[in-house]
PDB file of N, CA and C in Angstrom:
ATOM      1  N   MET A   1     208.029  82.734  64.231  1.00  0.00           N
ATOM      2  CA  MET A   1     208.683  83.621  63.189  1.00  0.00           C
ATOM      3  C   MET A   1     208.850  82.582  62.080  1.00  0.00           C
ATOM      4  N   ASN A   2     208.455  82.979  60.843  1.00  0.00           N
ATOM      5  CA  ASN A   2     208.686  82.301  59.495  1.00  0.00           C
ATOM      6  C   ASN A   2     210.194  82.732  58.910  1.00  0.00           C
ATOM      7  N   PHE A   3     210.780  81.619  58.299  1.00  0.00           N
ATOM      8  CA  PHE A   3     212.085  81.816  57.540  1.00  0.00           C
ATOM      9  C   PHE A   3     211.615  82.943  56.337  1.00  0.00           C
ATOM     10  N   ARG A   4     212.529  83.783  56.053  1.00  0.00           N
ATOM     11  CA  ARG A   4     212.463  84.694  55.009  1.00  0.00           C
ATOM     12  C   ARG A   4     213.634  84.509  54.034  1.00  0.00           C
ATOM     13  N   ASP A   5     213.227  84.675  52.837  1.00  0.00           N
ATOM     14  CA  ASP A   5     214.384  84.789  51.762  1.00  0.00           C
ATOM     15  C   ASP A   5     214.236  85.845  50.793  1.00  0.00           C
ATOM     16  N   ASP A   6     213.916  86.999  51.360  1.00  0.00           N
ATOM     17  CA  ASP A   6     213.576  88.237  50.402  1.00  0.00           C
ATOM     18  C   ASP A   6     214.333  89.404  51.108  1.00  0.00           C
ATOM     19  N   LYS A   7     215.216  89.240  52.048  1.00  0.00           N
ATOM     20  CA  LYS A   7     215.936  90.294  52.729  1.00  0.00           C
ATOM     21  C   LYS A   7     216.950  90.996  51.941  1.00  0.00           C
ATOM     22  N   LYS A   8     216.972  92.177  52.130  1.00  0.00           N
ATOM     23  CA  LYS A   8     218.118  92.998  51.597  1.00  0.00           C
ATOM     24  C   LYS A   8     219.537  92.857  52.136  1.00  0.00           C
ATOM     25  N   LEU A   9     220.435  93.011  51.436  1.00  0.00           N
ATOM     26  CA  LEU A   9     221.966  92.890  51.959  1.00  0.00           C
ATOM     27  C   LEU A   9     221.911  93.737  53.350  1.00  0.00           C
ATOM     28  N   THR A  10     222.394  93.052  54.360  1.00  0.00           N
ATOM     29  CA  THR A  10     222.659  93.628  55.697  1.00  0.00           C
ATOM     30  C   THR A  10     224.017  93.604  56.128  1.00  0.00           C
ATOM     31  N   GLY A  11     224.784  94.681  56.374  1.00  0.00           N
ATOM     32  CA  GLY A  11     226.047  94.443  56.841  1.00  0.00           C
ATOM     33  C   GLY A  11     227.145  94.880  55.488  1.00  0.00           C
ATOM     34  N   THR A  12     228.481  94.587  55.720  1.00  0.00           N
ATOM     35  CA  THR A  12     229.330  94.922  54.874  1.00  0.00           C
ATOM     36  C   THR A  12     229.552  93.751  53.817  1.00  0.00           C
ATOM     37  N   ALA A  13     229.499  93.884  52.684  1.00  0.00           N
ATOM     38  CA  ALA A  13     229.412  92.884  51.593  1.00  0.00           C
ATOM     39  C   ALA A  13     230.776  91.958  51.746  1.00  0.00           C
ATOM     40  N   ARG A  14     231.900  92.765  52.061  1.00  0.00           N
ATOM     41  CA  ARG A  14     233.020  92.193  52.307  1.00  0.00           C
ATOM     42  C   ARG A  14     233.132  90.878  53.111  1.00  0.00           C
ATOM     43  N   TYR A  15     232.323  91.027  54.242  1.00  0.00           N
ATOM     44  CA  TYR A  15     232.384  90.131  55.275  1.00  0.00           C
ATOM     45  C   TYR A  15     230.988  89.188  55.426  1.00  0.00           C
ATOM     46  N   CYS A  16     230.071  89.771  54.836  1.00  0.00           N
ATOM     47  CA  CYS A  16     228.590  88.899  55.010  1.00  0.00           C
ATOM     48  C   CYS A  16     228.630  87.605  54.480  1.00  0.00           C
ATOM     49  N   SER A  17     227.848  86.781  54.802  1.00  0.00           N
ATOM     50  CA  SER A  17     227.927  85.349  54.443  1.00  0.00           C
ATOM     51  C   SER A  17     227.109  85.247  52.944  1.00  0.00           C
ATOM     52  N   ILE A  18     227.468  84.063  52.636  1.00  0.00           N
ATOM     53  CA  ILE A  18     226.840  83.831  51.280  1.00  0.00           C
ATOM     54  C   ILE A  18     225.292  83.927  51.187  1.00  0.00           C
ATOM     55  N   ASN A  19     224.716  83.252  52.266  1.00  0.00           N
ATOM     56  CA  ASN A  19     223.296  83.252  52.485  1.00  0.00           C
ATOM     57  C   ASN A  19     222.728  84.726  52.582  1.00  0.00           C
ATOM     58  N   THR A  20     223.494  85.575  53.253  1.00  0.00           N
ATOM     59  CA  THR A  20     223.043  86.911  53.211  1.00  0.00           C
ATOM     60  C   THR A  20     222.851  87.599  51.954  1.00  0.00           C
ATOM     61  N   HIS A  21     223.875  87.276  51.220  1.00  0.00           N
ATOM     62  CA  HIS A  21     224.119  87.684  49.879  1.00  0.00           C
ATOM     63  C   HIS A  21     222.744  87.354  48.977  1.00  0.00           C
ATOM     64  N   LEU A  22     222.265  86.105  49.358  1.00  0.00           N
ATOM     65  CA  LEU A  22     221.334  85.392  48.625  1.00  0.00           C
ATOM     66  C   LEU A  22     219.875  85.931  49.279  1.00  0.00           C
ATOM     67  N   GLY A  23     219.846  86.841  50.257  1.00  0.00           N
ATOM     68  CA  GLY A  23     218.706  87.298  50.597  1.00  0.00           C
ATOM     69  C   GLY A  23     217.959  86.506  51.707  1.00  0.00           C
ATOM     70  N   TYR A  24     218.848  85.337  52.370  1.00  0.00           N
ATOM     71  CA  TYR A  24     218.242  84.810  53.379  1.00  0.00           C
ATOM     72  C   TYR A  24     218.144  85.332  54.696  1.00  0.00           C
ATOM     73  N   GLU A  25     217.047  84.975  55.484  1.00  0.00           N
ATOM     74  CA  GLU A  25     217.186  85.662  56.949  1.00  0.00           C
ATOM     75  C   GLU A  25     218.496  85.221  57.626  1.00  0.00           C
ATOM     76  N   GLN A  26     219.005  85.870  58.271  1.00  0.00           N
ATOM     77  CA  GLN A  26     220.388  85.664  58.752  1.00  0.00           C
ATOM     78  C   GLN A  26     220.275  85.061  60.252  1.00  0.00           C
ATOM     79  N   SER A  27     221.318  84.061  60.407  1.00  0.00           N
ATOM     80  CA  SER A  27     221.168  83.339  61.746  1.00  0.00           C
ATOM     81  C   SER A  27     222.643  83.131  62.478  1.00  0.00           C
ATOM     82  N   ARG A  28     222.784  82.529  63.410  1.00  0.00           N
ATOM     83  CA  ARG A  28     224.196  82.462  63.888  1.00  0.00           C
ATOM     84  C   ARG A  28     224.982  81.852  63.127  1.00  0.00           C
ATOM     85  N   ARG A  29     224.563  81.031  62.284  1.00  0.00           N
ATOM     86  CA  ARG A  29     225.519  80.482  61.239  1.00  0.00           C
ATOM     87  C   ARG A  29     226.392  81.669  60.263  1.00  0.00           C
ATOM     88  N   ASP A  30     225.513  82.494  60.046  1.00  0.00           N
ATOM     89  CA  ASP A  30     225.888  83.624  59.262  1.00  0.00           C
ATOM     90  C   ASP A  30     226.839  84.566  60.035  1.00  0.00           C
ATOM     91  N   ASP A  31     226.636  84.625  61.400  1.00  0.00           N
ATOM     92  CA  ASP A  31     227.540  85.297  62.231  1.00  0.00           C
ATOM     93  C   ASP A  31     228.922  84.412  62.048  1.00  0.00           C
ATOM     94  N   LEU A  32     228.942  83.240  62.148  1.00  0.00           N
ATOM     95  CA  LEU A  32     230.207  82.547  62.305  1.00  0.00           C
ATOM     96  C   LEU A  32     231.035  82.675  61.110  1.00  0.00           C
ATOM     97  N   GLU A  33     230.267  82.638  59.727  1.00  0.00           N
ATOM     98  CA  GLU A  33     231.031  82.718  58.610  1.00  0.00           C
ATOM     99  C   GLU A  33     231.555  84.092  58.327  1.00  0.00           C
ATOM    100  N   SER A  34     230.723  85.142  58.788  1.00  0.00           N
ATOM    101  CA  SER A  34     231.205  86.560  58.946  1.00  0.00           C
ATOM    102  C   SER A  34     232.550  86.651  59.812  1.00  0.00           C
ATOM    103  N   MET A  35     232.418  86.062  60.774  1.00  0.00           N
ATOM    104  CA  MET A  35     233.517  86.284  61.912  1.00  0.00           C
ATOM    105  C   MET A  35     234.764  85.566  61.153  1.00  0.00           C
ATOM    106  N   MET A  36     234.586  84.522  60.569  1.00  0.00           N
ATOM    107  CA  MET A  36     235.669  83.687  59.776  1.00  0.00           C
ATOM    108  C   MET A  36     236.253  84.705  58.590  1.00  0.00           C
ATOM    109  N   TYR A  37     235.436  85.290  57.876  1.00  0.00           N
ATOM    110  CA  TYR A  37     236.011  86.212  56.834  1.00  0.00           C
ATOM    111  C   TYR A  37     236.815  87.237  57.478  1.00  0.00           C
ATOM    112  N   GLY A  38     236.373  87.776  58.642  1.00  0.00           N
ATOM    113  CA  GLY A  38     237.138  88.943  59.335  1.00  0.00           C
ATOM    114  C   GLY A  38     238.479  88.254  59.965  1.00  0.00           C
ATOM    115  N   LEU A  39     238.627  87.124  60.303  1.00  0.00           N
ATOM    116  CA  LEU A  39     239.677  86.504  60.997  1.00  0.00           C
ATOM    117  C   LEU A  39     240.872  86.282  59.857  1.00  0.00           C
ATOM    118  N   ILE A  40     240.277  85.748  58.709  1.00  0.00           N
ATOM    119  CA  ILE A  40     241.103  85.612  57.622  1.00  0.00           C
ATOM    120  C   ILE A  40     241.709  86.744  57.019  1.00  0.00           C
ATOM    121  N   TYR A  41     240.755  87.924  57.088  1.00  0.00           N
ATOM    122  CA  TYR A  41     241.248  89.212  56.715  1.00  0.00           C
ATOM    123  C   TYR A  41     242.540  89.654  57.523  1.00  0.00           C
ATOM    124  N   MET A  42     242.220  89.345  58.923  1.00  0.00           N
ATOM    125  CA  MET A  42     243.343  89.943  59.875  1.00  0.00           C
ATOM    126  C   MET A  42     244.625  89.153  59.658  1.00  0.00           C
ATOM    127  N   PHE A  43     244.490  87.922  59.450  1.00  0.00           N
ATOM    128  CA  PHE A  43     245.538  86.976  59.008  1.00  0.00           C
ATOM    129  C   PHE A  43     246.406  87.462  57.871  1.00  0.00           C
ATOM    130  N   ASN A  44     245.718  87.416  56.867  1.00  0.00           N
ATOM    131  CA  ASN A  44     246.183  87.607  55.389  1.00  0.00           C
ATOM    132  C   ASN A  44     246.434  89.145  54.855  1.00  0.00           C
ATOM    133  N   GLY A  45     245.579  89.969  55.477  1.00  0.00           N
ATOM    134  CA  GLY A  45     245.416  91.209  54.986  1.00  0.00           C
ATOM    135  C   GLY A  45     244.574  91.601  53.957  1.00  0.00           C
ATOM    136  N   GLU A  46     243.980  90.517  53.342  1.00  0.00           N
ATOM    137  CA  GLU A  46     243.062  90.645  52.148  1.00  0.00           C
ATOM    138  C   GLU A  46     242.284  89.489  51.977  1.00  0.00           C
ATOM    139  N   LEU A  47     241.143  89.662  51.174  1.00  0.00           N
ATOM    140  CA  LEU A  47     240.249  88.400  51.062  1.00  0.00           C
ATOM    141  C   LEU A  47     240.217  88.529  49.319  1.00  0.00           C
ATOM    142  N   PRO A  48     240.080  87.326  48.776  1.00  0.00           N
ATOM    143  CA  PRO A  48     239.977  87.323  47.368  1.00  0.00           C
ATOM    144  C   PRO A  48     238.954  88.162  46.853  1.00  0.00           C
ATOM    145  N   TRP A  49     237.938  88.604  47.161  1.00  0.00           N
ATOM    146  CA  TRP A  49     236.895  89.512  46.565  1.00  0.00           C
ATOM    147  C   TRP A  49     237.179  90.990  46.801  1.00  0.00           C
ATOM    148  N   MET A  50     238.454  91.367  47.368  1.00  0.00           N
ATOM    149  CA  MET A  50     238.523  92.637  47.766  1.00  0.00           C
ATOM    150  C   MET A  50     239.071  93.280  46.418  1.00  0.00           C
ATOM    151  N   GLY A  51     238.851  94.574  46.287  1.00  0.00           N
ATOM    152  CA  GLY A  51     239.394  95.235  44.996  1.00  0.00           C
ATOM    153  C   GLY A  51     238.546  95.225  43.728  1.00  0.00           C
ATOM    154  N   ILE A  52     237.269  94.470  43.872  1.00  0.00           N
ATOM    155  CA  ILE A  52     236.293  94.354  42.833  1.00  0.00           C
ATOM    156  C   ILE A  52     235.826  95.730  42.510  1.00  0.00           C
ATOM    157  N   LYS A  53     235.774  96.275  41.188  1.00  0.00           N
ATOM    158  CA  LYS A  53     235.417  97.546  40.873  1.00  0.00           C
ATOM    159  C   LYS A  53     234.211  97.512  39.875  1.00  0.00           C
ATOM    160  N   THR A  54     233.149  98.126  40.168  1.00  0.00           N
ATOM    161  CA  THR A  54     231.976  98.143  39.369  1.00  0.00           C
ATOM    162  C   THR A  54     231.421  99.544  39.200  1.00  0.00           C
ATOM    163  N   GLN A  55     230.472  99.927  38.351  1.00  0.00           N
ATOM    164  CA  GLN A  55     229.774 101.032  38.183  1.00  0.00           C
ATOM    165  C   GLN A  55     228.791 101.199  39.319  1.00  0.00           C
ATOM    166  N   GLU A  56     227.931  99.968  39.541  1.00  0.00           N
ATOM    167  CA  GLU A  56     226.779  99.991  40.354  1.00  0.00           C
ATOM    168  C   GLU A  56     227.064  99.086  41.496  1.00  0.00           C
ATOM    169  N   LYS A  57     226.566  99.543  42.578  1.00  0.00           N
ATOM    170  CA  LYS A  57     226.742  98.678  43.894  1.00  0.00           C
ATOM    171  C   LYS A  57     226.259  97.425  43.854  1.00  0.00           C
ATOM    172  N   GLU A  58     225.122  97.300  43.244  1.00  0.00           N
ATOM    173  CA  GLU A  58     224.394  95.800  43.239  1.00  0.00           C
ATOM    174  C   GLU A  58     225.457  94.919  42.188  1.00  0.00           C
ATOM    175  N   ASP A  59     225.941  95.601  41.431  1.00  0.00           N
ATOM    176  CA  ASP A  59     226.706  94.567  40.306  1.00  0.00           C
ATOM    177  C   ASP A  59     227.992  94.149  41.230  1.00  0.00           C
ATOM    178  N   LYS A  60     228.563  95.132  42.078  1.00  0.00           N
ATOM    179  CA  LYS A  60     229.623  94.792  42.916  1.00  0.00           C
ATOM    180  C   LYS A  60     229.308  93.602  43.861  1.00  0.00           C
ATOM    181  N   TYR A  61     228.076  93.686  44.630  1.00  0.00           N
ATOM    182  CA  TYR A  61     227.583  92.542  45.477  1.00  0.00           C
ATOM    183  C   TYR A  61     227.513  91.253  44.724  1.00  0.00           C
ATOM    184  N   GLU A  62     227.135  91.266  43.471  1.00  0.00           N
ATOM    185  CA  GLU A  62     226.900  90.304  42.847  1.00  0.00           C
ATOM    186  C   GLU A  62     228.170  89.603  42.609  1.00  0.00           C
ATOM    187  N   LYS A  63     229.380  90.207  41.993  1.00  0.00           N
ATOM    188  CA  LYS A  63     230.655  89.720  41.751  1.00  0.00           C
ATOM    189  C   LYS A  63     231.318  89.316  43.015  1.00  0.00           C
ATOM    190  N   ILE A  64     231.035  89.899  44.112  1.00  0.00           N
ATOM    191  CA  ILE A  64     231.558  89.527  45.611  1.00  0.00           C
ATOM    192  C   ILE A  64     230.915  88.186  45.759  1.00  0.00           C
ATOM    193  N   LEU A  65     229.603  88.028  45.430  1.00  0.00           N
ATOM    194  CA  LEU A  65     229.093  86.708  45.827  1.00  0.00           C
ATOM    195  C   LEU A  65     229.699  85.659  44.979  1.00  0.00           C
ATOM    196  N   GLU A  66     229.655  86.003  43.707  1.00  0.00           N
ATOM    197  CA  GLU A  66     230.503  85.034  42.664  1.00  0.00           C
ATOM    198  C   GLU A  66     231.659  84.636  43.156  1.00  0.00           C
ATOM    199  N   SER A  67     232.524  85.448  43.576  1.00  0.00           N
ATOM    200  CA  SER A  67     233.945  85.299  44.054  1.00  0.00           C
ATOM    201  C   SER A  67     233.968  84.280  45.266  1.00  0.00           C
ATOM    202  N   LYS A  68     232.833  84.680  46.169  1.00  0.00           N
ATOM    203  CA  LYS A  68     232.877  83.836  47.530  1.00  0.00           C
ATOM    204  C   LYS A  68     232.422  82.383  47.207  1.00  0.00           C
ATOM    205  N   THR A  69     231.447  82.150  46.103  1.00  0.00           N
ATOM    206  CA  THR A  69     230.903  81.002  45.848  1.00  0.00           C
ATOM    207  C   THR A  69     232.013  80.153  45.186  1.00  0.00           C
ATOM    208  N   LYS A  70     232.964  80.783  44.311  1.00  0.00           N
ATOM    209  CA  LYS A  70     233.862  79.899  43.563  1.00  0.00           C
ATOM    210  C   LYS A  70     235.061  79.718  44.372  1.00  0.00           C
ATOM    211  N   THR A  71     235.373  80.304  45.424  1.00  0.00           N
ATOM    212  CA  THR A  71     236.667  80.301  46.501  1.00  0.00           C
ATOM    213  C   THR A  71     236.315  78.982  47.170  1.00  0.00           C
ATOM    214  N   THR A  72     237.252  78.206  47.193  1.00  0.00           N
ATOM    215  CA  THR A  72     237.239  76.903  48.047  1.00  0.00           C
ATOM    216  C   THR A  72     237.827  77.292  49.420  1.00  0.00           C
ATOM    217  N   VAL A  73     237.402  76.468  50.375  1.00  0.00           N
ATOM    218  CA  VAL A  73     237.870  76.616  51.787  1.00  0.00           C
ATOM    219  C   VAL A  73     239.519  76.636  51.859  1.00  0.00           C
ATOM    220  N   GLU A  74     239.815  75.561  50.890  1.00  0.00           N
ATOM    221  CA  GLU A  74     241.516  75.282  50.879  1.00  0.00           C
ATOM    222  C   GLU A  74     242.168  76.820  50.229  1.00  0.00           C
ATOM    223  N   GLU A  75     241.462  77.239  49.169  1.00  0.00           N
ATOM    224  CA  GLU A  75     242.113  78.581  48.657  1.00  0.00           C
ATOM    225  C   GLU A  75     241.956  79.573  49.713  1.00  0.00           C
ATOM    226  N   LEU A  76     240.888  79.646  50.279  1.00  0.00           N
ATOM    227  CA  LEU A  76     240.762  80.837  51.208  1.00  0.00           C
ATOM    228  C   LEU A  76     241.742  80.652  52.431  1.00  0.00           C
ATOM    229  N   CYS A  77     241.946  79.451  52.906  1.00  0.00           N
ATOM    230  CA  CYS A  77     242.698  79.201  54.056  1.00  0.00           C
ATOM    231  C   CYS A  77     244.265  78.819  53.754  1.00  0.00           C
ATOM    232  N   SER A  78     244.706  78.871  52.503  1.00  0.00           N
ATOM    233  CA  SER A  78     246.202  78.377  52.147  1.00  0.00           C
ATOM    234  C   SER A  78     247.074  79.090  52.921  1.00  0.00           C
ATOM    235  N   GLU A  79     246.831  80.212  53.337  1.00  0.00           N
ATOM    236  CA  GLU A  79     248.151  80.905  54.155  1.00  0.00           C
ATOM    237  C   GLU A  79     247.990  80.923  55.511  1.00  0.00           C
ATOM    238  N   LEU A  80     246.976  80.273  56.011  1.00  0.00           N
ATOM    239  CA  LEU A  80     246.401  80.367  57.432  1.00  0.00           C
ATOM    240  C   LEU A  80     247.089  79.064  58.192  1.00  0.00           C
ATOM    241  N   PRO A  81     247.218  79.272  59.700  1.00  0.00           N
ATOM    242  CA  PRO A  81     247.463  77.997  60.252  1.00  0.00           C
ATOM    243  C   PRO A  81     246.655  76.828  59.929  1.00  0.00           C
ATOM    244  N   SER A  82     247.003  75.659  60.242  1.00  0.00           N
ATOM    245  CA  SER A  82     246.201  74.450  59.851  1.00  0.00           C
ATOM    246  C   SER A  82     244.981  74.342  60.547  1.00  0.00           C
ATOM    247  N   ILE A  83     244.905  74.938  61.761  1.00  0.00           N
ATOM    248  CA  ILE A  83     243.625  74.886  62.659  1.00  0.00           C
ATOM    249  C   ILE A  83     242.521  75.457  61.872  1.00  0.00           C
ATOM    250  N   PHE A  84     242.637  76.330  60.786  1.00  0.00           N
ATOM    251  CA  PHE A  84     241.560  77.035  59.928  1.00  0.00           C
ATOM    252  C   PHE A  84     240.911  75.948  59.068  1.00  0.00           C
ATOM    253  N   MET A  85     241.606  74.937  58.802  1.00  0.00           N
ATOM    254  CA  MET A  85     241.120  73.881  57.753  1.00  0.00           C
ATOM    255  C   MET A  85     240.241  72.826  58.580  1.00  0.00           C
ATOM    256  N   ILE A  86     240.082  72.809  59.700  1.00  0.00           N
ATOM    257  CA  ILE A  86     239.126  71.961  60.442  1.00  0.00           C
ATOM    258  C   ILE A  86     237.580  72.112  60.107  1.00  0.00           C
ATOM    259  N   ARG A  87     237.114  71.114  59.577  1.00  0.00           N
ATOM    260  CA  ARG A  87     235.795  71.082  59.050  1.00  0.00           C
ATOM    261  C   ARG A  87     234.782  70.486  59.981  1.00  0.00           C
TER     262      ARG A  87
END
């Protein structure tokens, strides 16, 4: 099976991985990233890219991707137990 980089966004934009936003074929790596977004949401009750409003769905996805790429791990995990900061 060949790697694909022309895929449509699959899943919920709030939790999907950055690579999924970019159209890359999903793998276990993407599952882990999505799971972490879900855990962070459960701990904090929000994610930095929540509440983005746009007229078009594609614009919203683009703004969510922009927020995900600009948010550092330190910012994302600042309110979480220190175990989340292990790299």
